[in-house]
Protein backbone atom coordinates (compact mmCIF):
# COMPACT_ATOMS: atom_id res chain seq x y z
CA UNK A 1 -22.77 -74.30 16.85
CA UNK A 2 -20.73 -71.51 18.34
CA UNK A 3 -18.29 -72.64 15.58
CA UNK A 4 -20.62 -72.24 12.77
CA UNK A 5 -21.86 -68.97 13.98
CA UNK A 6 -17.90 -68.11 14.06
CA UNK A 7 -17.67 -68.39 10.65
CA UNK A 8 -20.88 -66.72 9.35
CA UNK A 9 -19.39 -63.85 11.28
CA UNK A 10 -16.09 -63.67 9.60
CA UNK A 11 -18.06 -64.42 6.31
CA UNK A 12 -19.52 -61.05 7.33
CA UNK A 13 -16.09 -59.20 8.20
CA UNK A 14 -14.65 -60.27 5.53
CA UNK A 15 -17.80 -58.84 3.24
CA UNK A 16 -17.61 -55.53 5.16
CA UNK A 17 -14.30 -54.94 4.75
CA UNK A 18 -14.47 -55.54 0.68
CA UNK A 19 -17.13 -53.28 -0.11
CA UNK A 20 -14.99 -50.48 1.94
CA UNK A 21 -12.13 -51.09 -0.03
CA UNK A 22 -13.73 -50.93 -2.86
CA UNK A 23 -15.51 -47.52 -2.58
CA UNK A 24 -12.11 -45.93 -1.25
CA UNK A 25 -10.92 -46.98 -4.46
CA UNK A 26 -13.51 -45.66 -6.43
CA UNK A 27 -13.24 -42.63 -4.30
CA UNK A 28 -9.32 -42.43 -5.37
CA UNK A 29 -9.94 -43.08 -9.02
CA UNK A 30 -12.62 -40.22 -9.21
CA UNK A 31 -9.88 -37.98 -7.44
CA UNK A 32 -7.14 -38.59 -9.98
CA UNK A 33 -9.25 -38.96 -13.20
CA UNK A 34 -11.53 -36.08 -13.08
CA UNK A 35 -8.21 -33.43 -13.65
CA UNK A 36 -6.86 -35.74 -16.03
CA UNK A 37 -9.85 -35.47 -17.89
CA UNK A 38 -9.55 -31.51 -17.15
CA UNK A 39 -6.18 -31.72 -18.57
CA UNK A 40 -7.12 -33.57 -21.58
CA UNK A 41 -9.74 -31.66 -22.38
CA UNK A 42 -7.52 -28.27 -22.49
CA UNK A 43 -4.92 -29.97 -24.19
CA UNK A 44 -7.30 -31.16 -27.11
CA UNK A 45 -9.11 -27.43 -27.15
CA UNK A 46 -5.65 -25.97 -27.21
CA UNK A 47 -4.71 -28.45 -29.82
CA UNK A 48 -7.68 -27.30 -31.73
CA UNK A 49 -6.77 -23.70 -31.02
CA UNK A 50 -2.98 -24.26 -32.94
CA UNK A 51 -4.38 -26.17 -35.72
CA UNK A 52 -7.10 -23.99 -36.56
CA UNK A 53 -4.72 -20.85 -36.29
CA UNK A 54 -1.94 -22.81 -38.69
CA UNK A 55 -4.88 -22.96 -41.36
CA UNK A 56 -5.91 -19.40 -40.71
CA UNK A 57 -1.68 -18.46 -40.87
CA UNK A 58 -1.51 -21.22 -44.48
CA UNK A 59 -4.89 -18.79 -45.89
CA UNK A 60 -3.24 -15.86 -45.26
CA UNK A 61 0.18 -16.68 -46.92
CA UNK A 62 -1.60 -17.83 -49.87
CA UNK A 63 -3.58 -14.37 -50.31
CA UNK A 64 -0.37 -12.45 -49.74
CA UNK A 65 1.51 -14.99 -52.55
CA UNK A 66 -1.53 -14.50 -54.93
CA UNK A 67 -1.59 -10.76 -54.61
CA UNK A 68 1.94 -10.57 -55.23
CA UNK A 69 1.25 -12.93 -58.07
CA UNK A 70 -1.47 -10.71 -59.67
CA UNK A 71 0.65 -7.53 -59.10
CA UNK A 72 3.19 -8.80 -61.31
CA UNK A 73 0.58 -9.63 -64.09
CA UNK A 74 -1.52 -6.78 -63.88
CA UNK A 75 -0.90 -4.19 -61.35
CA UNK A 76 -2.92 -1.36 -62.95
CA UNK A 77 -6.09 -3.72 -62.73
CA UNK A 78 -5.32 -4.82 -59.02
CA UNK A 79 -4.69 -1.37 -57.93
CA UNK A 80 -7.62 -0.09 -59.92
CA UNK A 81 -10.25 -2.62 -58.63
CA UNK A 82 -8.78 -4.05 -55.31
CA UNK A 83 -8.23 -0.80 -53.34
CA UNK A 84 -9.81 -0.78 -49.67
CA UNK A 85 -11.22 -3.79 -48.26
CA UNK A 86 -12.75 -6.80 -49.22
CA UNK A 87 -13.93 -9.97 -47.80
CA UNK A 88 -13.71 -13.63 -48.77
CA UNK A 89 -15.15 -16.80 -46.86
CA UNK A 90 -13.34 -20.31 -47.00
CA UNK A 91 -14.38 -23.72 -45.39
CA UNK A 92 -11.31 -26.19 -44.00
CA UNK A 93 -12.39 -29.02 -42.33
CA UNK A 94 -15.42 -27.66 -41.80
CA UNK A 95 -14.72 -24.66 -40.09
CA UNK A 96 -15.49 -21.12 -41.75
CA UNK A 97 -12.44 -19.15 -42.33
CA UNK A 98 -13.23 -14.89 -42.88
CA UNK A 99 -10.24 -13.57 -45.29
CA UNK A 100 -10.12 -9.73 -45.04
CA UNK A 101 -7.63 -7.87 -47.66
CA UNK A 102 -6.98 -4.28 -47.19
CA UNK A 103 -5.13 -2.33 -49.65
CA UNK A 104 -4.33 1.18 -49.37
CA UNK A 105 -1.28 3.29 -51.03
CA UNK A 106 1.65 4.54 -48.96
CA UNK A 107 4.71 6.85 -49.62
CA UNK A 108 7.57 5.87 -49.86
CA UNK A 109 10.40 6.25 -48.03
CA UNK A 110 11.93 9.21 -47.27
CA UNK A 111 10.18 13.17 -46.97
CA UNK A 112 7.16 13.50 -44.40
CA UNK A 113 4.82 10.89 -43.29
CA UNK A 114 2.37 11.91 -45.88
CA UNK A 115 4.89 11.44 -48.69
CA UNK A 116 5.75 14.72 -49.99
CA UNK A 117 9.08 16.07 -49.76
CA UNK A 118 10.50 19.65 -49.08
CA UNK A 119 11.46 20.01 -52.47
CA UNK A 120 8.52 17.86 -54.08
CA UNK A 121 10.88 15.66 -55.62
CA UNK A 122 9.75 12.57 -57.34
CA UNK A 123 11.69 9.95 -55.30
CA UNK A 124 9.02 9.19 -53.22
CA UNK A 125 7.51 6.71 -55.00
CA UNK A 126 4.13 5.60 -54.04
CA UNK A 127 4.22 1.40 -51.89
CA UNK A 128 0.95 -0.63 -52.17
CA UNK A 129 0.50 -1.69 -48.71
CA UNK A 130 -1.41 -5.26 -48.24
CA UNK A 131 -2.54 -6.09 -45.06
CA UNK A 132 -4.58 -9.61 -44.67
CA UNK A 133 -6.60 -10.41 -41.33
CA UNK A 134 -8.10 -13.71 -40.89
CA UNK A 135 -10.86 -14.05 -38.23
CA UNK A 136 -13.06 -17.87 -37.87
CA UNK A 137 -15.95 -18.36 -35.45
CA UNK A 138 -13.46 -20.14 -32.45
CA UNK A 139 -11.27 -17.38 -32.59
CA UNK A 140 -9.12 -17.75 -29.30
CA UNK A 141 -7.74 -14.26 -26.97
CA UNK A 142 -4.45 -13.81 -29.50
CA UNK A 143 -6.84 -12.29 -31.88
CA UNK A 144 -7.17 -13.01 -35.71
CA UNK A 145 -3.85 -13.89 -37.70
CA UNK A 146 -2.19 -11.34 -39.88
CA UNK A 147 -0.05 -11.04 -42.84
CA UNK A 148 1.39 -7.80 -44.30
CA UNK A 149 3.36 -7.18 -47.09
CA UNK A 150 4.22 -3.80 -49.44
CA UNK A 151 4.21 -4.22 -53.10
CA UNK A 152 6.28 -2.10 -55.34
CA UNK A 153 4.54 -0.53 -58.59
CA UNK A 154 6.31 -1.52 -61.95
CA UNK A 155 8.52 1.42 -63.05
CA UNK A 156 6.68 2.25 -66.15
CA UNK A 157 3.74 2.92 -64.45
CA UNK A 158 5.49 5.92 -62.30
CA UNK A 159 7.16 9.01 -62.85
CA UNK A 160 7.38 9.93 -66.46
CA UNK A 161 4.00 10.30 -67.12
CA UNK A 162 1.95 11.03 -63.96
CA UNK A 163 2.23 12.92 -60.41
CA UNK A 164 0.82 12.11 -57.30
CA UNK A 165 -1.11 14.17 -54.71
CA UNK A 166 -0.85 13.93 -50.85
CA UNK A 167 -3.15 14.94 -48.62
CA UNK A 168 -3.04 15.38 -44.84
CA UNK A 169 -5.89 15.94 -42.38
CA UNK A 170 -5.16 17.15 -38.62
CA UNK A 171 -6.78 17.72 -35.91
CA UNK A 172 -7.40 21.05 -33.55
CA UNK A 173 -4.56 19.39 -31.41
CA UNK A 174 -2.49 18.92 -34.65
CA UNK A 175 -2.50 15.01 -34.39
CA UNK A 176 -3.18 13.43 -37.76
CA UNK A 177 -6.90 12.43 -38.10
CA UNK A 178 -7.61 9.04 -38.62
CA UNK A 179 -10.48 7.34 -41.20
CA UNK A 180 -11.59 10.95 -42.78
CA UNK A 181 -13.19 10.42 -46.27
CA UNK A 182 -10.94 12.48 -48.94
CA UNK A 183 -12.34 12.65 -52.27
CA UNK A 184 -10.58 14.23 -55.31
CA UNK A 185 -11.96 15.15 -58.66
CA UNK A 186 -9.65 15.42 -61.78
CA UNK A 187 -9.60 16.58 -65.26
CA UNK A 188 -10.77 12.83 -65.54
CA UNK A 189 -11.66 10.93 -62.79
CA UNK A 190 -12.69 10.54 -59.35
CA UNK A 191 -11.05 8.86 -56.17
CA UNK A 192 -11.87 8.67 -52.89
CA UNK A 193 -9.55 7.26 -50.14
CA UNK A 194 -9.52 7.10 -46.38
CA UNK A 195 -6.65 8.70 -44.33
CA UNK A 196 -4.36 6.48 -42.37
CA UNK A 197 -3.30 6.84 -38.63
CA UNK A 198 -1.13 9.67 -39.39
CA UNK A 199 -4.12 11.52 -41.16
CA UNK A 200 -2.85 10.87 -44.66
CA UNK A 201 -4.52 10.01 -47.87
CA UNK A 202 -2.00 9.15 -50.97
CA UNK A 203 -3.03 9.24 -54.50
CA UNK A 204 -0.52 8.12 -56.99
CA UNK A 205 -0.33 8.03 -60.58
CA UNK A 206 -2.63 11.28 -61.26
CA UNK A 207 -2.28 12.90 -64.53
CA UNK A 208 -1.02 16.43 -64.76
CA UNK A 209 -3.78 19.03 -63.63
CA UNK A 210 -5.56 20.92 -61.31
CA UNK A 211 -7.50 18.55 -59.01
CA UNK A 212 -10.39 19.75 -56.14
CA UNK A 213 -9.85 17.72 -52.75
CA UNK A 214 -12.46 17.88 -50.38
CA UNK A 215 -13.10 16.09 -47.05
CA UNK A 216 -16.47 14.51 -45.80
CA UNK A 217 -17.46 13.61 -42.00
CA UNK A 218 -17.10 9.92 -40.89
CA UNK A 219 -20.66 8.12 -41.04
CA UNK A 220 -22.65 8.95 -38.04
CA UNK A 221 -20.56 12.03 -37.46
CA UNK A 222 -20.15 15.66 -37.79
CA UNK A 223 -16.80 17.15 -38.57
CA UNK A 224 -16.02 20.61 -39.61
CA UNK A 225 -13.01 22.78 -40.33
CA UNK A 226 -11.66 26.13 -38.43
CA UNK A 227 -14.58 28.10 -40.77
CA UNK A 228 -17.28 25.52 -39.69
CA UNK A 229 -17.57 24.00 -42.89
CA UNK A 230 -18.71 20.74 -43.34
CA UNK A 231 -16.73 19.84 -46.69
CA UNK A 232 -13.92 21.89 -46.78
CA UNK A 233 -12.10 21.63 -50.16
CA UNK A 234 -8.71 23.21 -51.77
CA UNK A 235 -7.56 23.07 -55.55
CA UNK A 236 -4.03 21.19 -55.62
CA UNK A 237 -2.01 21.54 -59.21
CA UNK A 238 -0.65 18.19 -59.75
CA UNK A 239 2.83 17.98 -62.08
CA UNK A 240 4.50 15.04 -63.80
CA UNK A 241 6.85 13.45 -61.67
CA UNK A 242 6.28 15.07 -58.40
CA UNK A 243 3.87 14.95 -55.39
CA UNK A 244 2.11 17.21 -54.56
CA UNK A 245 1.22 18.27 -50.79
CA UNK A 246 -2.32 19.26 -49.39
CA UNK A 247 -3.37 19.77 -45.60
CA UNK A 248 -6.71 20.46 -44.06
CA UNK A 249 -7.36 20.99 -40.53
CA UNK A 250 -10.42 19.36 -39.65
CA UNK A 251 -12.11 18.22 -36.79
CA UNK A 252 -15.43 16.73 -34.88
CA UNK A 253 -17.69 19.50 -33.94
CA UNK A 254 -18.66 20.21 -30.57
CA UNK A 255 -22.21 21.83 -29.53
CA UNK A 256 -22.93 24.81 -27.60
CA UNK A 257 -25.91 24.85 -24.79
CA UNK A 258 -27.05 28.65 -25.38
CA UNK A 259 -29.77 28.69 -22.77
CA UNK A 260 -29.31 31.20 -20.72
CA UNK A 261 -28.89 30.39 -17.37
CA UNK A 262 -31.90 32.83 -15.52
CA UNK A 263 -34.47 32.86 -18.87
CA UNK A 264 -37.13 31.93 -16.70
CA UNK A 265 -37.02 34.64 -14.65
CA UNK A 266 -35.06 37.06 -17.01
CA UNK A 267 -35.78 36.12 -20.38
CA UNK A 268 -34.09 37.40 -23.56
CA UNK A 269 -34.64 40.54 -24.82
CA UNK A 270 -36.94 40.81 -27.57
CA UNK A 271 -34.95 40.87 -30.65
CA UNK A 272 -31.71 40.66 -29.28
CA UNK A 273 -29.41 37.67 -30.23
CA UNK A 274 -26.71 35.61 -29.22
CA UNK A 275 -23.36 35.71 -30.72
CA UNK A 276 -20.62 33.17 -31.07
CA UNK A 277 -17.19 34.05 -31.92
CA UNK A 278 -13.54 33.00 -31.91
CA UNK A 279 -10.72 35.27 -32.16
CA UNK A 280 -8.81 32.78 -34.69
CA UNK A 281 -11.91 32.87 -37.18
CA UNK A 282 -11.86 35.32 -40.14
CA UNK A 283 -15.43 35.62 -40.25
CA UNK A 284 -16.94 37.88 -37.61
CA UNK A 285 -19.21 35.61 -35.76
CA UNK A 286 -22.44 33.56 -35.85
CA UNK A 287 -25.55 34.67 -34.20
CA UNK A 288 -28.49 32.62 -33.02
CA UNK A 289 -32.09 33.30 -31.49
CA UNK A 290 -32.14 33.21 -27.72
CA UNK A 291 -35.87 31.53 -28.04
CA UNK A 292 -34.35 28.99 -31.18
CA UNK A 293 -32.75 25.85 -30.85
CA UNK A 294 -30.85 25.86 -27.61
CA UNK A 295 -28.00 23.43 -28.22
CA UNK A 296 -26.50 24.34 -31.29
CA UNK A 297 -23.81 21.75 -33.23
CA UNK A 298 -21.26 22.41 -35.65
CA UNK A 299 -17.88 24.30 -33.95
CA UNK A 300 -14.63 23.51 -34.39
CA UNK A 301 -12.99 22.73 -30.95
CA UNK A 302 -10.83 25.33 -31.09
CA UNK A 303 -8.42 25.15 -27.90
CA UNK A 304 -9.07 28.81 -26.24
CA UNK A 305 -12.65 28.30 -26.81
CA UNK A 306 -15.67 30.86 -28.20
CA UNK A 307 -16.99 34.04 -26.56
CA UNK A 308 -20.85 33.80 -26.69
CA UNK A 309 -22.48 37.47 -25.76
CA UNK A 310 -26.25 38.51 -26.18
CA UNK A 311 -26.17 40.79 -28.75
CA UNK A 312 -25.46 41.20 -32.51
CA UNK A 313 -22.61 43.58 -32.35
CA UNK A 314 -19.21 41.65 -33.23
CA UNK A 315 -16.80 44.26 -32.99
CA UNK A 316 -18.50 46.68 -30.39
CA UNK A 317 -16.42 48.60 -27.89
CA UNK A 318 -18.82 47.23 -24.86
CA UNK A 319 -19.46 43.77 -26.31
CA UNK A 320 -17.86 41.32 -28.63
CA UNK A 321 -14.84 39.29 -29.11
CA UNK A 322 -12.30 42.45 -28.28
CA UNK A 323 -13.53 42.54 -25.24
CA UNK A 324 -13.17 40.56 -21.40
CA UNK A 325 -15.80 38.46 -22.11
CA UNK A 326 -15.02 34.69 -20.58
CA UNK A 327 -14.32 32.03 -23.41
CA UNK A 328 -16.22 28.78 -23.44
CA UNK A 329 -14.15 25.41 -24.39
CA UNK A 330 -15.55 23.06 -26.75
CA UNK A 331 -14.65 20.00 -27.19
CA UNK A 332 -15.03 17.30 -30.05
CA UNK A 333 -18.35 15.76 -30.23
CA UNK A 334 -19.17 16.98 -26.73
CA UNK A 335 -22.15 19.38 -25.74
CA UNK A 336 -20.55 22.66 -23.30
CA UNK A 337 -23.00 25.10 -21.50
CA UNK A 338 -22.02 29.02 -22.76
CA UNK A 339 -20.94 31.08 -20.52
CA UNK A 340 -23.09 33.95 -21.95
CA UNK A 341 -22.13 37.62 -21.43
CA UNK A 342 -25.30 39.47 -20.45
CA UNK A 343 -27.12 41.29 -17.74
CA UNK A 344 -30.06 40.56 -15.55
CA UNK A 345 -32.10 44.01 -15.71
CA UNK A 346 -34.67 44.45 -12.79
CA UNK A 347 -36.42 47.99 -13.92
CA UNK A 348 -38.77 49.75 -12.12
CA UNK A 349 -41.09 51.93 -13.54
CA UNK A 350 -42.49 54.88 -11.54
CA UNK A 351 -44.40 58.04 -12.18
CA UNK A 352 -45.12 60.47 -9.42
CA UNK A 353 -43.92 58.09 -6.82
CA UNK A 354 -46.19 55.65 -7.82
CA UNK A 355 -45.42 52.08 -9.73
CA UNK A 356 -46.27 52.56 -13.32
CA UNK A 357 -48.35 48.97 -13.90
CA UNK A 358 -48.70 47.66 -17.88
CA UNK A 359 -46.22 50.45 -19.39
CA UNK A 360 -44.60 49.63 -22.54
CA UNK A 361 -41.06 49.77 -22.37
CA UNK A 362 -38.50 50.91 -24.88
CA UNK A 363 -34.32 50.29 -24.31
CA UNK A 364 -31.79 52.41 -26.69
CA UNK A 365 -28.22 51.82 -26.57
CA UNK A 366 -26.28 54.57 -25.77
CA UNK A 367 -22.64 56.15 -25.47
CA UNK A 368 -22.04 56.46 -21.86
CA UNK A 369 -20.09 59.51 -22.37
CA UNK A 370 -22.15 61.70 -25.05
CA UNK A 371 -25.63 59.84 -24.14
CA UNK A 372 -26.07 59.88 -27.62
CA UNK A 373 -27.66 56.50 -29.41
CA UNK A 374 -25.06 54.59 -30.80
CA UNK A 375 -25.04 53.60 -34.53
CA UNK A 376 -23.78 50.89 -36.52
CA UNK A 377 -21.93 47.98 -35.27
CA UNK A 378 -20.92 49.61 -31.85
CA UNK A 379 -25.02 49.48 -31.21
CA UNK A 380 -26.88 46.32 -29.88
CA UNK A 381 -30.23 48.85 -31.67
CA UNK A 382 -32.74 50.36 -30.19
CA UNK A 383 -35.61 48.03 -29.02
CA UNK A 384 -38.97 49.51 -28.97
CA UNK A 385 -40.76 46.56 -27.23
CA UNK A 386 -38.89 45.63 -24.60
CA UNK A 387 -42.00 44.16 -22.56
CA UNK A 388 -44.84 45.57 -20.36
CA UNK A 389 -44.33 45.98 -16.55
CA UNK A 390 -46.24 44.33 -14.42
CA UNK A 391 -48.87 45.13 -11.24
CA UNK A 392 -46.05 45.71 -9.47
CA UNK A 393 -44.38 48.26 -11.86
CA UNK A 394 -41.44 45.49 -13.01
CA UNK A 395 -40.16 44.54 -16.25
CA UNK A 396 -37.18 41.96 -15.84
CA UNK A 397 -34.94 41.08 -18.86
CA UNK A 398 -32.00 39.73 -19.82
CA UNK A 399 -30.58 42.56 -21.70
CA UNK A 400 -26.88 42.82 -23.74
CA UNK A 401 -23.95 44.19 -21.86
CA UNK A 402 -23.84 48.24 -22.36
CA UNK A 403 -24.84 51.55 -21.54
CA UNK A 404 -28.93 52.46 -21.92
CA UNK A 405 -31.49 54.97 -21.96
CA UNK A 406 -35.44 54.02 -21.02
CA UNK A 407 -38.94 55.27 -22.48
CA UNK A 408 -41.75 53.93 -21.27
CA UNK A 409 -45.39 54.81 -22.93
CA UNK A 410 -47.82 54.47 -19.99
CA UNK A 411 -51.09 52.43 -20.73
CA UNK A 412 -53.42 54.23 -22.86
CA UNK A 413 -51.20 56.70 -24.29
CA UNK A 414 -49.72 57.09 -27.43
CA UNK A 415 -46.71 59.16 -26.64
CA UNK A 416 -43.06 57.94 -25.32
CA UNK A 417 -41.91 59.46 -21.94
CA UNK A 418 -38.03 59.17 -22.08
CA UNK A 419 -35.92 59.22 -18.84
CA UNK A 420 -32.51 61.10 -19.13
CA UNK A 421 -30.67 59.06 -16.97
CA UNK A 422 -28.22 56.67 -18.30
CA UNK A 423 -27.84 53.02 -16.69
CA UNK A 424 -25.27 50.37 -17.30
CA UNK A 425 -26.39 46.89 -18.18
CA UNK A 426 -23.19 44.88 -16.72
CA UNK A 427 -22.65 41.04 -15.98
CA UNK A 428 -23.82 39.91 -12.90
CA UNK A 429 -27.45 41.97 -13.30
CA UNK A 430 -28.56 45.33 -12.50
CA UNK A 431 -31.37 46.92 -10.34
CA UNK A 432 -32.50 50.01 -12.20
CA UNK A 433 -35.26 52.33 -11.10
CA UNK A 434 -37.07 54.91 -13.84
CA UNK A 435 -38.91 57.41 -12.43
CA UNK A 436 -41.43 59.76 -14.47
């Protein structure tokens, strides 16, 4: 009996040991297989990416070979229809590939980066640059497959019958401006090209004659030249066998916020205007109404910035770009708060020692030495309706910098009374009492 029980106990012991062994074996196998599966998955993905890149590389090379063959049999046809970027889709082994081809002119070796030599020689034979980029949906972090080559035009297409036009566009810093549309209108054709990373656009094989070259802003942006022109233009003459150079200074416009800093308490003097000028601009300046649009776009980003002041005189002795007014720097595509030269005037009007309420105030800019009214550009002008005093006989205004005489017309009266006292309106503000 005990022997039978002992035998049964041995069977249970063997069975328990077998289950534990199996569990341990499974655990070990799992630990080994999971990393192995990940490795195999990674290897498979890597292999697929390599395969895809090989296919993309073959497509890029095929496109280069195709364009090279086309150039040999019909170069003129190729450049007349193929300049710019075009994209075609090709499916290989069920995977869609996008093949982008960009054809652009670039100058030959020698001379400047924009293809014009100092003497305008004809040695700078233009070249056709070919850029291929192949993309596909499962593209890795390495980016698209790229191929490039340069095609040389046949000798018959160059020199003896035509010339070239090289256009360079630089920004305020002097560096080339990329991707700017350049349009050339000639006697019998119109062409448009985009500047490259050096700011260059090259127009080869042009018949001799005069060509109007103009720029336009990239889509969604506002660009201007140093005079504020959005579409500047030049006329360039092209001669047979030579490369003519044209250059523009053109940059993305900045904005000026023309809010007077204390306009809620000191509103702008009625009739006064805000002037903006830069010493490098040949024109006198531009004028804006203080109560109009306060954020004005279209300013070329000069490194030294702009002087901004209240008043419409550009060359007066007291205000204007030749004075000591501070400059406000404008940055491409950004808005800057203008440092406006003006004076916050607190004018208290009394008559017989008492505050004169509801009196109409007139201000006239005068010569600080002779007290005579200024004329011409030296004068901001006479403001016959500067405003009306409040119940305390006070009028607060932001006025142009300068010297002024005051005249008032009491409420109910038709005649103005002038205070012989002259006051100076300076940066930082003035508190003036006009006693009658």
